[in-house]
Amino acid sequence: MIETKRLIVYPASQEQMEAYIAAETDAELKKAYTEMLEGCLRHPDQWHWYAMWMIELRDGTHIGDLCFKGLGANGVVEIGYGILEEYQGHGYATEAIDATVVWALKQSNVTRVEAETEPDNRASQRVLEKCGFLPSGTFGEEGPRFFRTACEQKNVGK
């Protein structure tokens, strides 16, 4: 569990993930959540690298989620995230992503955290910039890719 000034971020349990999958009406999200759960079940010793992570206000209100997309053999993890629309614009994504990336980079087997955004999603790109990510100069399936290593940590929040 990761705690910040306003948030609690933690990997979901199997039961929580199953409930989200059952309730999800968006086919793309349902597929993504199902793939996360399958990754968790295939790699129970690396649950946190495959699980859906809950982002909650300190009072327990669910405001979004994030995930890593497994741990690469080269120590690279990719992070994805989303904040429910009614909670956007309050800095919650920046707070959750920064704290979670700091945690990830403290893990002995992680060397780099990467993220990818859609080309026109300036809000998400700004979150990554605030969290110390730098453009990698490459594009993935969704758009531009960004990265952060332990070296970028000192400039976070600027």
N, C-alpha and C. Protein backbone atom coordinates (compact mmCIF):
# COMPACT_ATOMS: atom_id res chain seq x y z
N MET A 1 0.84 -1.18 0.00
CA MET A 1 0.00 0.00 0.00
C MET A 1 0.89 1.24 0.00
N ILE A 2 0.49 2.21 -0.79
CA ILE A 2 1.21 3.48 -0.89
C ILE A 2 0.26 4.57 -0.41
N GLU A 3 0.73 5.38 0.51
CA GLU A 3 -0.09 6.47 1.03
C GLU A 3 0.56 7.80 0.69
N THR A 4 -0.27 8.74 0.24
CA THR A 4 0.18 10.10 -0.03
C THR A 4 -0.62 11.04 0.87
N LYS A 5 -0.44 12.31 0.68
CA LYS A 5 -1.16 13.29 1.48
C LYS A 5 -2.68 13.11 1.38
N ARG A 6 -3.16 12.81 0.15
CA ARG A 6 -4.61 12.71 -0.06
C ARG A 6 -5.11 11.35 -0.49
N LEU A 7 -4.19 10.43 -0.82
CA LEU A 7 -4.59 9.19 -1.48
C LEU A 7 -4.03 7.93 -0.83
N ILE A 8 -4.69 6.83 -1.13
CA ILE A 8 -4.20 5.49 -0.83
C ILE A 8 -4.22 4.74 -2.15
N VAL A 9 -3.11 4.11 -2.49
CA VAL A 9 -2.97 3.38 -3.75
C VAL A 9 -2.49 1.97 -3.40
N TYR A 10 -3.20 0.96 -3.89
CA TYR A 10 -2.82 -0.41 -3.53
C TYR A 10 -3.26 -1.39 -4.61
N PRO A 11 -2.54 -2.52 -4.71
CA PRO A 11 -2.93 -3.55 -5.68
C PRO A 11 -4.24 -4.22 -5.26
N ALA A 12 -5.13 -4.37 -6.22
CA ALA A 12 -6.42 -5.00 -5.94
C ALA A 12 -6.25 -6.48 -5.68
N SER A 13 -7.14 -7.02 -4.89
CA SER A 13 -7.19 -8.47 -4.66
C SER A 13 -7.87 -9.14 -5.86
N GLN A 14 -7.79 -10.45 -5.90
CA GLN A 14 -8.47 -11.20 -6.96
C GLN A 14 -9.96 -10.90 -6.93
N GLU A 15 -10.54 -10.87 -5.75
CA GLU A 15 -11.99 -10.62 -5.63
C GLU A 15 -12.35 -9.22 -6.13
N GLN A 16 -11.53 -8.23 -5.80
CA GLN A 16 -11.80 -6.87 -6.29
C GLN A 16 -11.71 -6.81 -7.81
N MET A 17 -10.69 -7.47 -8.36
CA MET A 17 -10.53 -7.44 -9.81
C MET A 17 -11.69 -8.16 -10.50
N GLU A 18 -12.11 -9.29 -9.94
CA GLU A 18 -13.25 -10.02 -10.52
C GLU A 18 -14.52 -9.16 -10.49
N ALA A 19 -14.72 -8.42 -9.41
CA ALA A 19 -15.89 -7.55 -9.31
C ALA A 19 -15.84 -6.44 -10.35
N TYR A 20 -14.67 -5.85 -10.56
CA TYR A 20 -14.54 -4.80 -11.57
C TYR A 20 -14.77 -5.35 -12.98
N ILE A 21 -14.25 -6.53 -13.24
CA ILE A 21 -14.46 -7.15 -14.55
C ILE A 21 -15.95 -7.40 -14.78
N ALA A 22 -16.64 -7.95 -13.78
CA ALA A 22 -18.06 -8.25 -13.90
C ALA A 22 -18.90 -6.98 -14.11
N ALA A 23 -18.50 -5.89 -13.48
CA ALA A 23 -19.28 -4.65 -13.55
C ALA A 23 -18.93 -3.78 -14.76
N GLU A 24 -17.80 -4.02 -15.38
CA GLU A 24 -17.33 -3.14 -16.46
C GLU A 24 -18.18 -3.29 -17.71
N THR A 25 -18.65 -2.19 -18.26
CA THR A 25 -19.49 -2.22 -19.47
C THR A 25 -18.70 -1.88 -20.73
N ASP A 26 -17.54 -1.25 -20.58
CA ASP A 26 -16.69 -0.93 -21.72
C ASP A 26 -15.89 -2.18 -22.09
N ALA A 27 -16.09 -2.68 -23.31
CA ALA A 27 -15.46 -3.94 -23.73
C ALA A 27 -13.93 -3.87 -23.68
N GLU A 28 -13.37 -2.73 -24.05
CA GLU A 28 -11.91 -2.59 -24.05
C GLU A 28 -11.34 -2.65 -22.63
N LEU A 29 -12.01 -1.95 -21.70
CA LEU A 29 -11.56 -1.99 -20.30
C LEU A 29 -11.77 -3.38 -19.70
N LYS A 30 -12.90 -4.00 -20.01
CA LYS A 30 -13.17 -5.36 -19.51
C LYS A 30 -12.05 -6.30 -19.95
N LYS A 31 -11.64 -6.20 -21.21
CA LYS A 31 -10.55 -7.03 -21.74
C LYS A 31 -9.25 -6.74 -21.01
N ALA A 32 -8.95 -5.45 -20.81
CA ALA A 32 -7.70 -5.07 -20.12
C ALA A 32 -7.69 -5.59 -18.69
N TYR A 33 -8.80 -5.42 -17.97
CA TYR A 33 -8.87 -5.90 -16.58
C TYR A 33 -8.74 -7.42 -16.53
N THR A 34 -9.35 -8.11 -17.49
CA THR A 34 -9.26 -9.56 -17.55
C THR A 34 -7.82 -10.00 -17.78
N GLU A 35 -7.12 -9.31 -18.68
CA GLU A 35 -5.71 -9.62 -18.94
C GLU A 35 -4.86 -9.38 -17.69
N MET A 36 -5.18 -8.33 -16.94
CA MET A 36 -4.44 -8.06 -15.69
C MET A 36 -4.63 -9.22 -14.72
N LEU A 37 -5.87 -9.64 -14.53
CA LEU A 37 -6.14 -10.74 -13.60
C LEU A 37 -5.45 -12.02 -14.06
N GLU A 38 -5.50 -12.30 -15.35
CA GLU A 38 -4.83 -13.49 -15.87
C GLU A 38 -3.32 -13.43 -15.60
N GLY A 39 -2.73 -12.25 -15.76
CA GLY A 39 -1.30 -12.07 -15.45
C GLY A 39 -1.01 -12.33 -13.99
N CYS A 40 -1.89 -11.84 -13.13
CA CYS A 40 -1.73 -12.06 -11.69
C CYS A 40 -1.77 -13.54 -11.35
N LEU A 41 -2.72 -14.25 -11.96
CA LEU A 41 -2.88 -15.67 -11.66
C LEU A 41 -1.73 -16.50 -12.22
N ARG A 42 -1.17 -16.06 -13.35
CA ARG A 42 0.00 -16.75 -13.92
C ARG A 42 1.28 -16.46 -13.14
N HIS A 43 1.34 -15.27 -12.53
CA HIS A 43 2.55 -14.84 -11.82
C HIS A 43 2.17 -14.34 -10.41
N PRO A 44 1.66 -15.24 -9.55
CA PRO A 44 1.21 -14.79 -8.24
C PRO A 44 2.33 -14.17 -7.39
N ASP A 45 3.56 -14.56 -7.66
CA ASP A 45 4.69 -13.99 -6.92
C ASP A 45 5.05 -12.58 -7.39
N GLN A 46 4.44 -12.15 -8.49
CA GLN A 46 4.65 -10.80 -9.03
C GLN A 46 3.31 -10.08 -9.17
N TRP A 47 2.40 -10.36 -8.27
CA TRP A 47 1.03 -9.84 -8.32
C TRP A 47 1.00 -8.34 -8.60
N HIS A 48 1.81 -7.58 -7.88
CA HIS A 48 1.76 -6.11 -8.00
C HIS A 48 2.19 -5.61 -9.37
N TRP A 49 2.91 -6.41 -10.15
CA TRP A 49 3.33 -5.97 -11.49
C TRP A 49 2.25 -6.25 -12.54
N TYR A 50 1.20 -7.00 -12.18
CA TYR A 50 0.13 -7.33 -13.12
C TYR A 50 -1.23 -6.81 -12.67
N ALA A 51 -1.40 -6.55 -11.40
CA ALA A 51 -2.71 -6.21 -10.83
C ALA A 51 -3.19 -4.83 -11.22
N MET A 52 -4.48 -4.67 -11.14
CA MET A 52 -5.11 -3.35 -11.16
C MET A 52 -4.83 -2.75 -9.79
N TRP A 53 -4.34 -1.53 -9.74
CA TRP A 53 -4.11 -0.84 -8.47
C TRP A 53 -5.24 0.15 -8.26
N MET A 54 -5.83 0.12 -7.09
CA MET A 54 -6.91 1.04 -6.74
C MET A 54 -6.33 2.39 -6.31
N ILE A 55 -6.93 3.45 -6.77
CA ILE A 55 -6.59 4.79 -6.32
C ILE A 55 -7.81 5.30 -5.57
N GLU A 56 -7.62 5.57 -4.29
CA GLU A 56 -8.73 6.01 -3.44
C GLU A 56 -8.35 7.26 -2.67
N LEU A 57 -9.36 8.07 -2.41
CA LEU A 57 -9.16 9.16 -1.47
C LEU A 57 -8.98 8.53 -0.10
N ARG A 58 -8.44 9.25 0.84
CA ARG A 58 -8.20 8.69 2.17
C ARG A 58 -9.47 8.24 2.87
N ASP A 59 -10.63 8.76 2.42
CA ASP A 59 -11.90 8.32 3.03
C ASP A 59 -12.44 7.03 2.39
N GLY A 60 -11.68 6.45 1.44
CA GLY A 60 -12.08 5.20 0.80
C GLY A 60 -12.82 5.37 -0.51
N THR A 61 -13.05 6.59 -0.95
CA THR A 61 -13.73 6.83 -2.22
C THR A 61 -12.83 6.43 -3.38
N HIS A 62 -13.32 5.52 -4.22
CA HIS A 62 -12.55 5.08 -5.39
C HIS A 62 -12.60 6.18 -6.44
N ILE A 63 -11.41 6.63 -6.91
CA ILE A 63 -11.37 7.71 -7.89
C ILE A 63 -10.65 7.32 -9.19
N GLY A 64 -10.07 6.14 -9.23
CA GLY A 64 -9.39 5.72 -10.45
C GLY A 64 -8.57 4.47 -10.20
N ASP A 65 -7.76 4.14 -11.20
CA ASP A 65 -6.90 2.98 -11.06
C ASP A 65 -5.66 3.16 -11.93
N LEU A 66 -4.69 2.31 -11.65
CA LEU A 66 -3.49 2.28 -12.46
C LEU A 66 -3.04 0.84 -12.54
N CYS A 67 -2.06 0.59 -13.40
CA CYS A 67 -1.52 -0.76 -13.50
C CYS A 67 -0.12 -0.69 -14.06
N PHE A 68 0.63 -1.71 -13.77
CA PHE A 68 1.88 -1.96 -14.45
C PHE A 68 1.56 -3.06 -15.45
N LYS A 69 2.34 -3.18 -16.47
CA LYS A 69 2.04 -4.18 -17.50
C LYS A 69 3.09 -5.28 -17.47
N GLY A 70 3.33 -5.81 -16.26
CA GLY A 70 4.32 -6.85 -16.07
C GLY A 70 5.70 -6.25 -15.87
N LEU A 71 6.62 -7.08 -15.46
CA LEU A 71 8.01 -6.67 -15.25
C LEU A 71 8.87 -7.31 -16.32
N GLY A 72 9.50 -6.48 -17.15
CA GLY A 72 10.35 -6.99 -18.20
C GLY A 72 11.65 -7.53 -17.65
N ALA A 73 12.26 -8.46 -18.37
CA ALA A 73 13.52 -9.06 -17.95
C ALA A 73 14.62 -8.01 -17.81
N ASN A 74 14.48 -6.90 -18.53
CA ASN A 74 15.47 -5.83 -18.49
C ASN A 74 15.20 -4.81 -17.37
N GLY A 75 14.24 -5.10 -16.51
CA GLY A 75 13.94 -4.21 -15.39
C GLY A 75 13.04 -3.05 -15.75
N VAL A 76 12.40 -3.09 -16.91
CA VAL A 76 11.51 -2.02 -17.34
C VAL A 76 10.06 -2.42 -17.05
N VAL A 77 9.32 -1.49 -16.47
CA VAL A 77 7.88 -1.66 -16.27
C VAL A 77 7.17 -0.51 -16.97
N GLU A 78 5.99 -0.81 -17.49
CA GLU A 78 5.17 0.23 -18.10
C GLU A 78 3.98 0.47 -17.20
N ILE A 79 3.63 1.73 -17.02
CA ILE A 79 2.50 2.09 -16.18
C ILE A 79 1.40 2.70 -17.04
N GLY A 80 0.17 2.37 -16.68
CA GLY A 80 -1.01 2.96 -17.29
C GLY A 80 -1.91 3.44 -16.17
N TYR A 81 -2.75 4.42 -16.43
CA TYR A 81 -3.57 4.98 -15.35
C TYR A 81 -4.80 5.69 -15.89
N GLY A 82 -5.75 5.87 -15.01
CA GLY A 82 -6.96 6.62 -15.34
C GLY A 82 -7.63 7.11 -14.08
N ILE A 83 -8.13 8.32 -14.14
CA ILE A 83 -8.88 8.92 -13.04
C ILE A 83 -10.30 9.14 -13.53
N LEU A 84 -11.28 8.78 -12.72
CA LEU A 84 -12.67 8.99 -13.10
C LEU A 84 -12.90 10.47 -13.41
N GLU A 85 -13.73 10.73 -14.40
CA GLU A 85 -13.91 12.08 -14.92
C GLU A 85 -14.23 13.12 -13.84
N GLU A 86 -15.08 12.76 -12.91
CA GLU A 86 -15.49 13.74 -11.89
C GLU A 86 -14.36 14.11 -10.92
N TYR A 87 -13.25 13.36 -10.96
CA TYR A 87 -12.11 13.66 -10.07
C TYR A 87 -10.90 14.20 -10.83
N GLN A 88 -11.04 14.38 -12.13
CA GLN A 88 -9.95 14.92 -12.92
C GLN A 88 -9.76 16.41 -12.65
N GLY A 89 -8.55 16.89 -12.86
CA GLY A 89 -8.27 18.31 -12.70
C GLY A 89 -7.93 18.75 -11.29
N HIS A 90 -7.71 17.78 -10.39
CA HIS A 90 -7.40 18.10 -9.00
C HIS A 90 -6.00 17.63 -8.59
N GLY A 91 -5.23 17.16 -9.55
CA GLY A 91 -3.87 16.70 -9.26
C GLY A 91 -3.77 15.29 -8.72
N TYR A 92 -4.88 14.56 -8.71
CA TYR A 92 -4.85 13.20 -8.16
C TYR A 92 -3.99 12.26 -9.00
N ALA A 93 -4.07 12.38 -10.32
CA ALA A 93 -3.26 11.50 -11.18
C ALA A 93 -1.78 11.74 -10.91
N THR A 94 -1.38 13.00 -10.86
CA THR A 94 0.03 13.31 -10.61
C THR A 94 0.47 12.75 -9.26
N GLU A 95 -0.34 12.93 -8.24
CA GLU A 95 0.00 12.46 -6.90
C GLU A 95 0.12 10.94 -6.86
N ALA A 96 -0.83 10.25 -7.48
CA ALA A 96 -0.83 8.78 -7.47
C ALA A 96 0.31 8.22 -8.32
N ILE A 97 0.50 8.76 -9.51
CA ILE A 97 1.53 8.23 -10.40
C ILE A 97 2.91 8.49 -9.81
N ASP A 98 3.15 9.69 -9.32
CA ASP A 98 4.46 10.00 -8.77
C ASP A 98 4.80 9.05 -7.61
N ALA A 99 3.88 8.90 -6.68
CA ALA A 99 4.15 8.04 -5.51
C ALA A 99 4.37 6.59 -5.93
N THR A 100 3.60 6.12 -6.89
CA THR A 100 3.72 4.74 -7.32
C THR A 100 5.01 4.51 -8.10
N VAL A 101 5.40 5.48 -8.91
CA VAL A 101 6.66 5.35 -9.66
C VAL A 101 7.85 5.40 -8.72
N VAL A 102 7.81 6.27 -7.72
CA VAL A 102 8.88 6.30 -6.72
C VAL A 102 9.00 4.92 -6.06
N TRP A 103 7.86 4.35 -5.68
CA TRP A 103 7.86 3.00 -5.09
C TRP A 103 8.48 1.99 -6.06
N ALA A 104 8.03 2.02 -7.32
CA ALA A 104 8.53 1.04 -8.31
C ALA A 104 10.04 1.15 -8.49
N LEU A 105 10.55 2.37 -8.56
CA LEU A 105 11.98 2.55 -8.79
C LEU A 105 12.83 2.18 -7.58
N LYS A 106 12.20 2.01 -6.44
CA LYS A 106 12.92 1.54 -5.25
C LYS A 106 13.02 0.02 -5.21
N GLN A 107 12.28 -0.67 -6.08
CA GLN A 107 12.34 -2.12 -6.12
C GLN A 107 13.65 -2.52 -6.80
N SER A 108 14.35 -3.47 -6.24
CA SER A 108 15.69 -3.81 -6.70
C SER A 108 15.74 -4.29 -8.15
N ASN A 109 14.66 -4.82 -8.67
CA ASN A 109 14.68 -5.36 -10.03
C ASN A 109 14.13 -4.38 -11.08
N VAL A 110 13.86 -3.12 -10.71
CA VAL A 110 13.31 -2.13 -11.63
C VAL A 110 14.37 -1.07 -11.94
N THR A 111 14.59 -0.84 -13.23
CA THR A 111 15.56 0.16 -13.67
C THR A 111 14.91 1.36 -14.32
N ARG A 112 13.68 1.17 -14.80
CA ARG A 112 13.05 2.23 -15.59
C ARG A 112 11.54 2.01 -15.61
N VAL A 113 10.79 3.11 -15.58
CA VAL A 113 9.34 3.06 -15.72
C VAL A 113 8.99 3.81 -17.00
N GLU A 114 8.16 3.21 -17.84
CA GLU A 114 7.75 3.82 -19.09
C GLU A 114 6.24 4.03 -19.10
N ALA A 115 5.80 4.93 -19.95
CA ALA A 115 4.37 5.20 -20.14
C ALA A 115 4.15 5.64 -21.57
N GLU A 116 2.91 5.53 -22.00
CA GLU A 116 2.56 5.90 -23.37
C GLU A 116 1.22 6.63 -23.33
N THR A 117 1.09 7.67 -24.13
CA THR A 117 -0.18 8.41 -24.17
C THR A 117 -0.64 8.56 -25.61
N GLU A 118 -1.89 8.88 -25.77
CA GLU A 118 -2.38 9.21 -27.10
C GLU A 118 -1.78 10.57 -27.47
N PRO A 119 -1.49 10.79 -28.75
CA PRO A 119 -0.82 12.02 -29.17
C PRO A 119 -1.54 13.31 -28.75
N ASP A 120 -2.86 13.29 -28.72
CA ASP A 120 -3.61 14.50 -28.37
C ASP A 120 -4.03 14.56 -26.90
N ASN A 121 -3.58 13.63 -26.08
CA ASN A 121 -3.94 13.63 -24.66
C ASN A 121 -2.92 14.47 -23.89
N ARG A 122 -3.03 15.76 -24.04
CA ARG A 122 -2.08 16.69 -23.41
C ARG A 122 -2.15 16.61 -21.89
N ALA A 123 -3.33 16.37 -21.32
CA ALA A 123 -3.46 16.28 -19.85
C ALA A 123 -2.62 15.12 -19.31
N SER A 124 -2.68 13.98 -19.97
CA SER A 124 -1.89 12.84 -19.51
C SER A 124 -0.40 13.09 -19.70
N GLN A 125 -0.04 13.72 -20.80
CA GLN A 125 1.36 14.05 -21.03
C GLN A 125 1.86 15.02 -19.96
N ARG A 126 1.02 15.95 -19.55
CA ARG A 126 1.41 16.90 -18.50
C ARG A 126 1.59 16.18 -17.16
N VAL A 127 0.74 15.20 -16.87
CA VAL A 127 0.92 14.40 -15.65
C VAL A 127 2.30 13.75 -15.66
N LEU A 128 2.65 13.14 -16.79
CA LEU A 128 3.95 12.48 -16.88
C LEU A 128 5.09 13.47 -16.71
N GLU A 129 4.98 14.63 -17.32
CA GLU A 129 6.02 15.66 -17.18
C GLU A 129 6.16 16.07 -15.72
N LYS A 130 5.04 16.30 -15.04
CA LYS A 130 5.08 16.69 -13.62
C LYS A 130 5.70 15.60 -12.76
N CYS A 131 5.57 14.36 -13.20
CA CYS A 131 6.10 13.22 -12.45
C CYS A 131 7.54 12.88 -12.84
N GLY A 132 8.18 13.75 -13.62
CA GLY A 132 9.59 13.55 -13.94
C GLY A 132 9.88 12.67 -15.13
N PHE A 133 8.85 12.31 -15.91
CA PHE A 133 9.07 11.51 -17.10
C PHE A 133 9.63 12.39 -18.21
N LEU A 134 10.42 11.79 -19.06
CA LEU A 134 10.99 12.47 -20.22
C LEU A 134 10.52 11.78 -21.48
N PRO A 135 10.35 12.52 -22.58
CA PRO A 135 10.00 11.87 -23.84
C PRO A 135 11.12 10.94 -24.30
N SER A 136 10.76 9.76 -24.78
CA SER A 136 11.78 8.83 -25.25
C SER A 136 12.12 9.05 -26.71
N GLY A 137 11.27 9.79 -27.42
CA GLY A 137 11.49 10.01 -28.84
C GLY A 137 10.94 8.89 -29.70
N THR A 138 10.23 7.95 -29.07
CA THR A 138 9.64 6.83 -29.81
C THR A 138 8.12 6.85 -29.66
N PHE A 139 7.45 6.16 -30.57
CA PHE A 139 6.00 6.03 -30.52
C PHE A 139 5.63 4.57 -30.38
N GLY A 140 4.60 4.32 -29.58
CA GLY A 140 4.07 2.98 -29.43
C GLY A 140 2.73 2.89 -30.14
N GLU A 141 1.95 1.89 -29.80
CA GLU A 141 0.64 1.68 -30.42
C GLU A 141 -0.30 2.85 -30.17
N GLU A 142 -0.22 3.46 -28.98
CA GLU A 142 -1.14 4.54 -28.62
C GLU A 142 -0.59 5.92 -28.93
N GLY A 143 0.74 6.05 -28.97
CA GLY A 143 1.30 7.37 -29.21
C GLY A 143 2.68 7.51 -28.61
N PRO A 144 3.07 8.75 -28.26
CA PRO A 144 4.42 8.99 -27.76
C PRO A 144 4.70 8.26 -26.45
N ARG A 145 5.94 7.81 -26.32
CA ARG A 145 6.38 7.10 -25.12
C ARG A 145 7.25 8.01 -24.28
N PHE A 146 7.18 7.79 -22.97
CA PHE A 146 7.93 8.56 -21.98
C PHE A 146 8.61 7.59 -21.04
N PHE A 147 9.65 8.06 -20.34
CA PHE A 147 10.33 7.18 -19.39
C PHE A 147 10.79 7.99 -18.18
N ARG A 148 11.03 7.24 -17.11
CA ARG A 148 11.61 7.82 -15.89
C ARG A 148 12.50 6.77 -15.25
N THR A 149 13.67 7.19 -14.85
CA THR A 149 14.57 6.34 -14.10
C THR A 149 14.82 7.02 -12.76
N ALA A 150 15.58 6.39 -11.90
CA ALA A 150 15.89 6.99 -10.60
C ALA A 150 16.59 8.33 -10.76
N CYS A 151 17.32 8.52 -11.85
CA CYS A 151 18.04 9.78 -12.08
C CYS A 151 17.09 10.96 -12.23
N GLU A 152 15.89 10.74 -12.76
CA GLU A 152 14.94 11.83 -12.97
C GLU A 152 14.17 12.21 -11.71
N GLN A 153 14.33 11.46 -10.63
CA GLN A 153 13.51 11.67 -9.45
C GLN A 153 13.71 13.03 -8.79
N LYS A 154 14.88 13.62 -8.87
CA LYS A 154 15.12 14.87 -8.15
C LYS A 154 14.39 16.06 -8.75
N ASN A 155 13.87 15.96 -9.98
CA ASN A 155 13.21 17.08 -10.64
C ASN A 155 11.69 16.98 -10.60
N VAL A 156 11.14 16.04 -9.88
CA VAL A 156 9.72 15.79 -9.87
C VAL A 156 8.95 16.97 -9.29
N GLY A 157 7.76 17.19 -9.89
CA GLY A 157 6.84 18.20 -9.38
C GLY A 157 7.08 19.60 -9.89
N LYS A 158 7.99 19.79 -10.79
CA LYS A 158 8.30 21.12 -11.32
C LYS A 158 7.39 21.45 -12.46
